[in-house]
Amino acid sequence: MDSNSEKKSLRSLLLEKRDDTSFDYLKMASEKIHQKVLEIKDFGDAKKIGAYYPTGSEILTQDIIQELLSMKKGVFLPKVMGDVMEFRKIEGFSSLERGSFDIMEPKDGCPKGNDLDLILVPTVGISPAGVRLGYGHGFYDRFLAENSATTVSLTLEKQVIKNIPKSDHDILIDWTVTEDKIRENHRKD
């Protein structure tokens, strides 16, 4: 089986597994992940942080976003235009509107800011080596190939799997934070 079809079936399996998570467990896991991400020195040192607004069964990031705003950090969320993704600064949740893929993203008037210190990356699955399986659109891989920032995957422990096929364009993730642990993956240099 080639890498793309293997990724596609793995993505399907992992999304089904994640979607089967009860909302109560997702909420509890998200709270634990929120506390753990604060322990990462790179996170604490970062002044400009890229985050994402959750959709479906993704880790709930609203409390993390709110805390970053109250800490007076620069908070940037992705905005998709065609096949390009850029990050834009938000002042609060009122800066968001429903956008591409029916996901909340910054309004057009929000200032662009792709020079980020750290990015929280949505994840379908991830390996201990930091190979991330996303939704298959390649937005984050293309963005990260052009912009260097420390990357942190927020995901459920059950989404960490031993092996994910790596394509040439896949960018390794620096940190994985689950409800159970913080992992520093093999760092990119």
N, C-alpha and C. Protein backbone atom coordinates (compact mmCIF):
# COMPACT_ATOMS: atom_id res chain seq x y z
N MET A 1 0.86 -1.18 0.00
CA MET A 1 0.00 0.00 0.00
C MET A 1 0.90 1.24 0.00
N ASP A 2 0.58 2.23 -0.85
CA ASP A 2 1.43 3.42 -0.87
C ASP A 2 1.14 4.31 0.33
N SER A 3 2.06 5.21 0.59
CA SER A 3 2.00 6.07 1.77
C SER A 3 0.69 6.85 1.86
N ASN A 4 0.20 7.41 0.74
CA ASN A 4 -1.03 8.21 0.78
C ASN A 4 -2.26 7.40 1.13
N SER A 5 -2.39 6.20 0.54
CA SER A 5 -3.57 5.39 0.87
C SER A 5 -3.46 4.83 2.29
N GLU A 6 -2.22 4.56 2.72
CA GLU A 6 -2.01 4.10 4.09
C GLU A 6 -2.39 5.22 5.08
N LYS A 7 -1.97 6.44 4.77
CA LYS A 7 -2.32 7.59 5.61
C LYS A 7 -3.83 7.81 5.63
N LYS A 8 -4.47 7.67 4.46
CA LYS A 8 -5.91 7.90 4.37
C LYS A 8 -6.68 6.91 5.25
N SER A 9 -6.32 5.62 5.20
CA SER A 9 -7.04 4.64 6.01
C SER A 9 -6.70 4.82 7.50
N LEU A 10 -5.46 5.19 7.82
CA LEU A 10 -5.07 5.46 9.19
C LEU A 10 -5.82 6.68 9.73
N ARG A 11 -5.93 7.71 8.91
CA ARG A 11 -6.65 8.93 9.28
C ARG A 11 -8.11 8.59 9.61
N SER A 12 -8.72 7.80 8.76
CA SER A 12 -10.11 7.40 8.94
C SER A 12 -10.29 6.65 10.26
N LEU A 13 -9.41 5.70 10.52
CA LEU A 13 -9.45 4.89 11.74
C LEU A 13 -9.27 5.77 12.98
N LEU A 14 -8.26 6.65 12.94
CA LEU A 14 -7.97 7.51 14.10
C LEU A 14 -9.07 8.54 14.35
N LEU A 15 -9.66 9.08 13.29
CA LEU A 15 -10.77 10.02 13.47
C LEU A 15 -11.97 9.32 14.09
N GLU A 16 -12.24 8.11 13.64
CA GLU A 16 -13.35 7.34 14.20
C GLU A 16 -13.10 7.09 15.68
N LYS A 17 -11.87 6.70 16.01
CA LYS A 17 -11.48 6.44 17.40
C LYS A 17 -11.64 7.71 18.25
N ARG A 18 -11.19 8.85 17.71
CA ARG A 18 -11.27 10.11 18.45
C ARG A 18 -12.72 10.55 18.59
N ASP A 19 -13.50 10.39 17.50
CA ASP A 19 -14.90 10.81 17.53
C ASP A 19 -15.72 10.00 18.53
N ASP A 20 -15.25 8.79 18.87
CA ASP A 20 -15.95 7.95 19.84
C ASP A 20 -15.69 8.38 21.29
N THR A 21 -14.83 9.36 21.48
CA THR A 21 -14.52 9.86 22.82
C THR A 21 -15.71 10.64 23.36
N SER A 22 -16.10 10.36 24.61
CA SER A 22 -17.22 11.10 25.20
C SER A 22 -16.82 12.55 25.41
N PHE A 23 -17.80 13.46 25.38
CA PHE A 23 -17.50 14.87 25.57
C PHE A 23 -16.92 15.10 26.97
N ASP A 24 -17.42 14.37 27.97
CA ASP A 24 -16.91 14.52 29.33
C ASP A 24 -15.43 14.18 29.40
N TYR A 25 -15.03 13.08 28.72
CA TYR A 25 -13.62 12.70 28.72
C TYR A 25 -12.79 13.74 27.96
N LEU A 26 -13.31 14.20 26.82
CA LEU A 26 -12.60 15.20 26.02
C LEU A 26 -12.39 16.48 26.83
N LYS A 27 -13.40 16.89 27.58
CA LYS A 27 -13.31 18.09 28.41
C LYS A 27 -12.25 17.90 29.51
N MET A 28 -12.27 16.74 30.17
CA MET A 28 -11.30 16.45 31.24
C MET A 28 -9.88 16.38 30.64
N ALA A 29 -9.75 15.68 29.52
CA ALA A 29 -8.43 15.55 28.88
C ALA A 29 -7.91 16.92 28.44
N SER A 30 -8.79 17.76 27.90
CA SER A 30 -8.41 19.10 27.45
C SER A 30 -7.91 19.94 28.62
N GLU A 31 -8.56 19.81 29.78
CA GLU A 31 -8.12 20.56 30.97
C GLU A 31 -6.73 20.10 31.41
N LYS A 32 -6.50 18.79 31.39
CA LYS A 32 -5.17 18.26 31.77
C LYS A 32 -4.11 18.73 30.77
N ILE A 33 -4.43 18.69 29.49
CA ILE A 33 -3.50 19.13 28.45
C ILE A 33 -3.18 20.62 28.62
N HIS A 34 -4.21 21.41 28.93
CA HIS A 34 -4.03 22.85 29.17
C HIS A 34 -2.99 23.05 30.28
N GLN A 35 -3.10 22.32 31.38
CA GLN A 35 -2.15 22.47 32.49
C GLN A 35 -0.74 22.01 32.09
N LYS A 36 -0.67 20.91 31.33
CA LYS A 36 0.63 20.36 30.94
C LYS A 36 1.36 21.28 29.95
N VAL A 37 0.64 21.89 29.02
CA VAL A 37 1.29 22.73 28.00
C VAL A 37 1.97 23.93 28.67
N LEU A 38 1.43 24.37 29.80
CA LEU A 38 2.02 25.49 30.53
C LEU A 38 3.39 25.14 31.11
N GLU A 39 3.68 23.84 31.26
CA GLU A 39 4.95 23.38 31.82
C GLU A 39 6.10 23.44 30.80
N ILE A 40 5.78 23.56 29.52
CA ILE A 40 6.81 23.57 28.49
C ILE A 40 7.49 24.94 28.47
N LYS A 41 8.79 24.96 28.70
CA LYS A 41 9.53 26.23 28.77
C LYS A 41 9.35 27.05 27.50
N ASP A 42 9.43 26.40 26.33
CA ASP A 42 9.25 27.12 25.05
C ASP A 42 7.91 27.83 25.01
N PHE A 43 6.89 27.21 25.60
CA PHE A 43 5.55 27.80 25.63
C PHE A 43 5.55 29.06 26.51
N GLY A 44 6.14 28.93 27.69
CA GLY A 44 6.19 30.07 28.61
C GLY A 44 7.00 31.23 28.06
N ASP A 45 8.07 30.92 27.32
CA ASP A 45 8.95 31.95 26.77
C ASP A 45 8.36 32.63 25.53
N ALA A 46 7.45 31.94 24.85
CA ALA A 46 6.92 32.46 23.58
C ALA A 46 6.10 33.73 23.80
N LYS A 47 6.32 34.69 22.91
CA LYS A 47 5.55 35.95 22.97
C LYS A 47 4.42 35.94 21.94
N LYS A 48 4.66 35.27 20.80
CA LYS A 48 3.65 35.20 19.74
C LYS A 48 3.33 33.73 19.49
N ILE A 49 2.09 33.37 19.81
CA ILE A 49 1.70 31.95 19.77
C ILE A 49 0.56 31.74 18.78
N GLY A 50 0.75 30.76 17.91
CA GLY A 50 -0.30 30.34 17.00
C GLY A 50 -1.11 29.26 17.68
N ALA A 51 -2.42 29.39 17.64
CA ALA A 51 -3.32 28.40 18.24
C ALA A 51 -4.36 28.04 17.19
N TYR A 52 -5.33 27.26 17.55
CA TYR A 52 -6.42 26.94 16.63
C TYR A 52 -7.70 26.81 17.43
N TYR A 53 -8.81 27.10 16.79
CA TYR A 53 -10.12 26.95 17.42
C TYR A 53 -10.58 25.53 17.10
N PRO A 54 -10.97 24.75 18.12
CA PRO A 54 -11.27 23.34 17.87
C PRO A 54 -12.55 23.12 17.06
N THR A 55 -12.54 22.02 16.34
CA THR A 55 -13.73 21.60 15.61
C THR A 55 -13.90 20.10 15.85
N GLY A 56 -15.12 19.64 15.85
CA GLY A 56 -15.38 18.22 16.05
C GLY A 56 -14.84 17.73 17.39
N SER A 57 -14.06 16.65 17.36
CA SER A 57 -13.56 16.04 18.59
C SER A 57 -12.11 16.46 18.90
N GLU A 58 -11.67 17.60 18.35
CA GLU A 58 -10.32 18.09 18.66
C GLU A 58 -10.24 18.53 20.11
N ILE A 59 -9.01 18.55 20.64
CA ILE A 59 -8.77 19.05 22.00
C ILE A 59 -9.34 20.46 22.09
N LEU A 60 -10.05 20.73 23.16
CA LEU A 60 -10.69 22.04 23.37
C LEU A 60 -9.61 23.06 23.74
N THR A 61 -9.43 24.04 22.91
CA THR A 61 -8.34 25.02 23.11
C THR A 61 -8.83 26.38 23.62
N GLN A 62 -10.14 26.54 23.79
CA GLN A 62 -10.66 27.86 24.16
C GLN A 62 -10.05 28.38 25.46
N ASP A 63 -9.88 27.51 26.47
CA ASP A 63 -9.31 27.96 27.75
C ASP A 63 -7.84 28.35 27.60
N ILE A 64 -7.12 27.62 26.76
CA ILE A 64 -5.71 27.97 26.51
C ILE A 64 -5.65 29.34 25.82
N ILE A 65 -6.49 29.54 24.81
CA ILE A 65 -6.52 30.82 24.09
C ILE A 65 -6.85 31.95 25.06
N GLN A 66 -7.86 31.73 25.91
CA GLN A 66 -8.27 32.75 26.88
C GLN A 66 -7.14 33.08 27.84
N GLU A 67 -6.43 32.06 28.31
CA GLU A 67 -5.32 32.29 29.23
C GLU A 67 -4.20 33.07 28.54
N LEU A 68 -3.89 32.70 27.29
CA LEU A 68 -2.84 33.42 26.55
C LEU A 68 -3.21 34.90 26.39
N LEU A 69 -4.47 35.16 26.09
CA LEU A 69 -4.93 36.55 25.94
C LEU A 69 -4.79 37.30 27.27
N SER A 70 -5.15 36.64 28.38
CA SER A 70 -5.06 37.31 29.67
C SER A 70 -3.61 37.50 30.12
N MET A 71 -2.69 36.65 29.58
CA MET A 71 -1.26 36.81 29.86
C MET A 71 -0.63 37.88 28.96
N LYS A 72 -1.44 38.48 28.10
CA LYS A 72 -1.00 39.52 27.16
C LYS A 72 -0.01 38.98 26.12
N LYS A 73 -0.14 37.70 25.79
CA LYS A 73 0.66 37.12 24.70
C LYS A 73 -0.02 37.49 23.39
N GLY A 74 0.75 37.53 22.32
CA GLY A 74 0.15 37.70 21.00
C GLY A 74 -0.46 36.37 20.59
N VAL A 75 -1.76 36.35 20.32
CA VAL A 75 -2.45 35.12 19.97
C VAL A 75 -2.88 35.20 18.51
N PHE A 76 -2.48 34.20 17.73
CA PHE A 76 -2.74 34.18 16.30
C PHE A 76 -3.44 32.87 15.94
N LEU A 77 -4.48 32.96 15.13
CA LEU A 77 -5.18 31.76 14.66
C LEU A 77 -5.08 31.69 13.15
N PRO A 78 -5.17 30.47 12.61
CA PRO A 78 -5.02 30.31 11.16
C PRO A 78 -6.25 30.77 10.40
N LYS A 79 -5.99 31.31 9.22
CA LYS A 79 -7.04 31.68 8.27
C LYS A 79 -6.64 31.05 6.94
N VAL A 80 -7.58 30.33 6.33
CA VAL A 80 -7.32 29.64 5.07
C VAL A 80 -7.93 30.44 3.93
N MET A 81 -7.09 30.70 2.91
CA MET A 81 -7.56 31.38 1.70
C MET A 81 -7.09 30.55 0.51
N GLY A 82 -8.01 29.83 -0.10
CA GLY A 82 -7.62 28.94 -1.19
C GLY A 82 -6.77 27.81 -0.65
N ASP A 83 -5.54 27.67 -1.17
CA ASP A 83 -4.67 26.60 -0.65
C ASP A 83 -3.56 27.15 0.24
N VAL A 84 -3.75 28.40 0.71
CA VAL A 84 -2.75 29.04 1.58
C VAL A 84 -3.35 29.27 2.96
N MET A 85 -2.53 29.05 3.98
CA MET A 85 -2.94 29.33 5.35
C MET A 85 -1.98 30.37 5.91
N GLU A 86 -2.54 31.37 6.58
CA GLU A 86 -1.71 32.34 7.28
C GLU A 86 -2.30 32.54 8.67
N PHE A 87 -1.50 33.07 9.56
CA PHE A 87 -1.98 33.34 10.91
C PHE A 87 -2.29 34.81 11.07
N ARG A 88 -3.37 35.09 11.81
CA ARG A 88 -3.78 36.47 12.07
C ARG A 88 -4.03 36.66 13.56
N LYS A 89 -3.67 37.84 14.04
CA LYS A 89 -3.76 38.16 15.46
C LYS A 89 -5.21 38.41 15.86
N ILE A 90 -5.59 37.83 17.00
CA ILE A 90 -6.93 38.08 17.53
C ILE A 90 -6.82 38.80 18.87
N GLU A 91 -7.84 39.57 19.18
CA GLU A 91 -7.90 40.27 20.48
C GLU A 91 -8.81 39.53 21.44
N GLY A 92 -9.63 38.63 20.91
CA GLY A 92 -10.58 37.86 21.72
C GLY A 92 -11.43 37.02 20.79
N PHE A 93 -12.38 36.29 21.34
CA PHE A 93 -13.21 35.42 20.52
C PHE A 93 -14.13 36.19 19.58
N SER A 94 -14.35 37.48 19.88
CA SER A 94 -15.17 38.30 18.98
C SER A 94 -14.43 38.61 17.68
N SER A 95 -13.12 38.34 17.63
CA SER A 95 -12.33 38.55 16.41
C SER A 95 -12.53 37.40 15.41
N LEU A 96 -13.33 36.39 15.79
CA LEU A 96 -13.48 35.19 14.95
C LEU A 96 -14.81 35.15 14.21
N GLU A 97 -14.80 34.44 13.08
CA GLU A 97 -16.01 34.18 12.32
C GLU A 97 -15.87 32.81 11.67
N ARG A 98 -17.00 32.23 11.26
CA ARG A 98 -16.95 30.92 10.61
C ARG A 98 -16.31 31.08 9.24
N GLY A 99 -15.30 30.25 8.97
CA GLY A 99 -14.55 30.38 7.71
C GLY A 99 -14.46 29.07 6.97
N SER A 100 -13.30 28.85 6.35
CA SER A 100 -13.06 27.64 5.55
C SER A 100 -13.29 26.38 6.39
N PHE A 101 -13.82 25.36 5.76
CA PHE A 101 -14.09 24.08 6.41
C PHE A 101 -15.02 24.24 7.62
N ASP A 102 -15.78 25.35 7.66
CA ASP A 102 -16.74 25.62 8.73
C ASP A 102 -16.04 25.75 10.09
N ILE A 103 -14.79 26.22 10.07
CA ILE A 103 -13.99 26.38 11.29
C ILE A 103 -13.93 27.87 11.64
N MET A 104 -13.95 28.16 12.94
CA MET A 104 -13.83 29.55 13.38
C MET A 104 -12.42 30.04 13.08
N GLU A 105 -12.33 31.18 12.40
CA GLU A 105 -11.02 31.75 12.07
C GLU A 105 -11.10 33.27 12.15
N PRO A 106 -9.94 33.95 12.18
CA PRO A 106 -9.92 35.41 12.33
C PRO A 106 -10.65 36.11 11.18
N LYS A 107 -11.30 37.20 11.54
CA LYS A 107 -11.97 38.03 10.52
C LYS A 107 -10.93 38.67 9.61
N ASP A 108 -11.37 39.13 8.44
CA ASP A 108 -10.46 39.72 7.45
C ASP A 108 -9.63 40.88 7.99
N GLY A 109 -10.19 41.67 8.90
CA GLY A 109 -9.49 42.85 9.40
C GLY A 109 -8.38 42.55 10.41
N CYS A 110 -8.27 41.32 10.86
CA CYS A 110 -7.23 40.97 11.85
C CYS A 110 -5.86 41.00 11.19
N PRO A 111 -4.87 41.60 11.87
CA PRO A 111 -3.54 41.73 11.26
C PRO A 111 -2.82 40.39 11.08
N LYS A 112 -2.16 40.26 9.94
CA LYS A 112 -1.40 39.06 9.61
C LYS A 112 -0.14 39.02 10.47
N GLY A 113 0.27 37.81 10.87
CA GLY A 113 1.48 37.67 11.67
C GLY A 113 2.00 36.24 11.61
N ASN A 114 2.79 35.94 10.62
CA ASN A 114 3.28 34.57 10.46
C ASN A 114 4.60 34.30 11.17
N ASP A 115 5.20 35.33 11.77
CA ASP A 115 6.48 35.19 12.44
C ASP A 115 6.23 34.80 13.90
N LEU A 116 5.87 33.53 14.11
CA LEU A 116 5.45 33.08 15.43
C LEU A 116 6.58 32.36 16.16
N ASP A 117 6.51 32.39 17.49
CA ASP A 117 7.50 31.69 18.32
C ASP A 117 7.11 30.22 18.50
N LEU A 118 5.82 29.97 18.62
CA LEU A 118 5.33 28.63 18.90
C LEU A 118 3.96 28.45 18.28
N ILE A 119 3.65 27.24 17.81
CA ILE A 119 2.35 26.97 17.19
C ILE A 119 1.77 25.69 17.79
N LEU A 120 0.53 25.78 18.26
CA LEU A 120 -0.23 24.61 18.68
C LEU A 120 -0.86 24.04 17.41
N VAL A 121 -0.58 22.78 17.13
CA VAL A 121 -0.96 22.18 15.85
C VAL A 121 -2.06 21.13 16.05
N PRO A 122 -3.20 21.28 15.35
CA PRO A 122 -4.24 20.25 15.46
C PRO A 122 -3.73 18.93 14.88
N THR A 123 -4.12 17.83 15.50
CA THR A 123 -3.54 16.54 15.17
C THR A 123 -4.59 15.44 15.15
N VAL A 124 -4.56 14.61 14.12
CA VAL A 124 -5.40 13.42 14.06
C VAL A 124 -4.65 12.26 14.72
N GLY A 125 -3.35 12.15 14.44
CA GLY A 125 -2.51 11.13 15.04
C GLY A 125 -1.07 11.59 15.00
N ILE A 126 -0.23 11.03 15.88
CA ILE A 126 1.18 11.41 15.90
C ILE A 126 2.00 10.22 16.40
N SER A 127 3.22 10.11 15.89
CA SER A 127 4.12 9.04 16.34
C SER A 127 5.06 9.62 17.40
N PRO A 128 5.69 8.77 18.20
CA PRO A 128 6.67 9.25 19.19
C PRO A 128 7.83 10.01 18.55
N ALA A 129 8.07 9.79 17.27
CA ALA A 129 9.14 10.52 16.57
C ALA A 129 8.69 11.90 16.11
N GLY A 130 7.39 12.22 16.30
CA GLY A 130 6.90 13.54 15.90
C GLY A 130 6.33 13.60 14.50
N VAL A 131 6.11 12.44 13.86
CA VAL A 131 5.45 12.44 12.54
C VAL A 131 3.97 12.63 12.80
N ARG A 132 3.43 13.73 12.29
CA ARG A 132 2.03 14.10 12.53
C ARG A 132 1.16 13.70 11.36
N LEU A 133 -0.01 13.19 11.71
CA LEU A 133 -1.04 12.92 10.71
C LEU A 133 -2.11 13.98 10.92
N GLY A 134 -2.29 14.83 9.90
CA GLY A 134 -3.32 15.86 9.97
C GLY A 134 -4.54 15.42 9.19
N TYR A 135 -5.23 16.39 8.63
CA TYR A 135 -6.47 16.10 7.90
C TYR A 135 -6.24 15.82 6.42
N GLY A 136 -4.99 15.92 5.98
CA GLY A 136 -4.67 15.56 4.61
C GLY A 136 -4.67 16.71 3.62
N HIS A 137 -4.88 17.95 4.10
CA HIS A 137 -4.89 19.10 3.19
C HIS A 137 -3.50 19.72 3.04
N GLY A 138 -2.61 19.47 3.99
CA GLY A 138 -1.23 19.94 3.91
C GLY A 138 -1.01 21.39 4.31
N PHE A 139 -2.02 22.06 4.87
CA PHE A 139 -1.87 23.48 5.23
C PHE A 139 -0.73 23.70 6.22
N TYR A 140 -0.71 22.92 7.30
CA TYR A 140 0.32 23.11 8.32
C TYR A 140 1.70 22.74 7.80
N ASP A 141 1.81 21.64 7.05
CA ASP A 141 3.12 21.26 6.51
C ASP A 141 3.67 22.35 5.59
N ARG A 142 2.82 22.90 4.73
CA ARG A 142 3.29 23.98 3.83
C ARG A 142 3.68 25.22 4.63
N PHE A 143 2.87 25.56 5.63
CA PHE A 143 3.17 26.74 6.44
C PHE A 143 4.48 26.55 7.20
N LEU A 144 4.64 25.39 7.85
CA LEU A 144 5.83 25.13 8.66
C LEU A 144 7.09 24.98 7.83
N ALA A 145 6.95 24.59 6.57
CA ALA A 145 8.11 24.49 5.68
C ALA A 145 8.67 25.89 5.39
N GLU A 146 7.82 26.91 5.46
CA GLU A 146 8.22 28.29 5.15
C GLU A 146 8.49 29.14 6.40
N ASN A 147 8.02 28.69 7.55
CA ASN A 147 8.09 29.49 8.78
C ASN A 147 8.59 28.62 9.92
N SER A 148 9.66 29.06 10.58
CA SER A 148 10.17 28.22 11.67
C SER A 148 9.56 28.69 12.99
N ALA A 149 9.03 27.74 13.72
CA ALA A 149 8.46 27.99 15.04
C ALA A 149 8.50 26.66 15.78
N THR A 150 8.54 26.73 17.10
CA THR A 150 8.42 25.51 17.89
C THR A 150 6.99 25.01 17.71
N THR A 151 6.84 23.69 17.51
CA THR A 151 5.51 23.13 17.28
C THR A 151 5.10 22.22 18.42
N VAL A 152 3.82 22.30 18.80
CA VAL A 152 3.28 21.49 19.88
C VAL A 152 1.97 20.86 19.39
N SER A 153 1.93 19.53 19.42
CA SER A 153 0.72 18.80 19.08
C SER A 153 -0.08 18.57 20.35
N LEU A 154 -1.36 18.93 20.32
CA LEU A 154 -2.26 18.66 21.43
C LEU A 154 -3.16 17.51 20.99
N THR A 155 -3.09 16.38 21.68
CA THR A 155 -3.87 15.23 21.23
C THR A 155 -4.14 14.28 22.39
N LEU A 156 -5.08 13.38 22.17
CA LEU A 156 -5.36 12.36 23.16
C LEU A 156 -4.28 11.28 23.11
N GLU A 157 -4.00 10.68 24.25
CA GLU A 157 -2.98 9.63 24.33
C GLU A 157 -3.28 8.50 23.33
N LYS A 158 -4.56 8.20 23.14
CA LYS A 158 -4.91 7.10 22.23
C LYS A 158 -4.65 7.44 20.76
N GLN A 159 -4.30 8.68 20.46
CA GLN A 159 -3.98 9.09 19.09
C GLN A 159 -2.47 9.03 18.82
N VAL A 160 -1.69 8.70 19.86
CA VAL A 160 -0.24 8.53 19.69
C VAL A 160 -0.03 7.08 19.27
N ILE A 161 0.47 6.89 18.06
CA ILE A 161 0.65 5.53 17.56
C ILE A 161 2.09 5.33 17.11
N LYS A 162 2.51 4.09 17.19
CA LYS A 162 3.92 3.75 16.98
C LYS A 162 4.47 4.24 15.64
N ASN A 163 3.71 4.03 14.57
CA ASN A 163 4.24 4.32 13.24
C ASN A 163 3.24 5.06 12.36
N ILE A 164 3.66 6.19 11.83
CA ILE A 164 2.88 6.92 10.83
C ILE A 164 3.80 7.08 9.63
N PRO A 165 3.34 6.69 8.43
CA PRO A 165 4.20 6.84 7.25
C PRO A 165 4.58 8.31 7.07
N LYS A 166 5.87 8.57 6.86
CA LYS A 166 6.34 9.95 6.68
C LYS A 166 6.58 10.23 5.21
N SER A 167 5.98 11.31 4.73
CA SER A 167 6.23 11.78 3.36
C SER A 167 7.33 12.83 3.41
N ASP A 168 7.94 13.10 2.26
CA ASP A 168 9.03 14.08 2.19
C ASP A 168 8.61 15.46 2.70
N HIS A 169 7.34 15.83 2.46
CA HIS A 169 6.89 17.17 2.84
C HIS A 169 6.42 17.27 4.29
N ASP A 170 6.34 16.16 5.01
CA ASP A 170 5.89 16.19 6.40
C ASP A 170 6.92 16.87 7.29
N ILE A 171 6.45 17.77 8.13
CA ILE A 171 7.31 18.49 9.07
C ILE A 171 7.14 17.83 10.44
N LEU A 172 8.26 17.46 11.07
CA LEU A 172 8.19 16.82 12.38
C LEU A 172 7.77 17.83 13.45
N ILE A 173 6.97 17.35 14.39
CA ILE A 173 6.47 18.18 15.49
C ILE A 173 7.44 18.06 16.67
N ASP A 174 7.72 19.19 17.33
CA ASP A 174 8.71 19.23 18.41
C ASP A 174 8.21 18.60 19.71
N TRP A 175 6.95 18.89 20.07
CA TRP A 175 6.40 18.43 21.35
C TRP A 175 5.04 17.79 21.12
N THR A 176 4.73 16.78 21.92
CA THR A 176 3.38 16.20 21.95
C THR A 176 2.89 16.28 23.38
N VAL A 177 1.70 16.85 23.56
CA VAL A 177 1.10 16.94 24.90
C VAL A 177 -0.23 16.19 24.86
N THR A 178 -0.34 15.19 25.74
CA THR A 178 -1.58 14.43 25.88
C THR A 178 -2.09 14.61 27.30
N GLU A 179 -3.22 14.00 27.60
CA GLU A 179 -3.76 14.07 28.97
C GLU A 179 -2.84 13.34 29.95
N ASP A 180 -1.99 12.44 29.45
CA ASP A 180 -1.12 11.65 30.33
C ASP A 180 0.31 12.16 30.44
N LYS A 181 0.86 12.72 29.35
CA LYS A 181 2.28 13.10 29.39
C LYS A 181 2.66 14.18 28.39
N ILE A 182 3.87 14.68 28.61
CA ILE A 182 4.50 15.62 27.70
C ILE A 182 5.67 14.87 27.08
N ARG A 183 5.75 14.88 25.76
CA ARG A 183 6.88 14.22 25.08
C ARG A 183 7.62 15.26 24.25
N GLU A 184 8.93 15.29 24.42
CA GLU A 184 9.73 16.07 23.49
C GLU A 184 10.15 15.11 22.40
N ASN A 185 9.63 15.35 21.19
CA ASN A 185 9.90 14.46 20.06
C ASN A 185 11.30 14.72 19.53
N HIS A 186 11.73 13.93 18.59
CA HIS A 186 13.04 14.18 17.97
C HIS A 186 13.00 15.57 17.35
N ARG A 187 13.87 16.42 17.82
CA ARG A 187 13.87 17.82 17.40
C ARG A 187 14.38 17.98 15.98
N LYS A 188 13.77 18.93 15.27
CA LYS A 188 14.29 19.25 13.93
C LYS A 188 15.43 20.25 14.10
N ASP A 189 16.43 20.20 13.26
CA ASP A 189 17.55 21.14 13.36
C ASP A 189 17.68 21.92 12.08
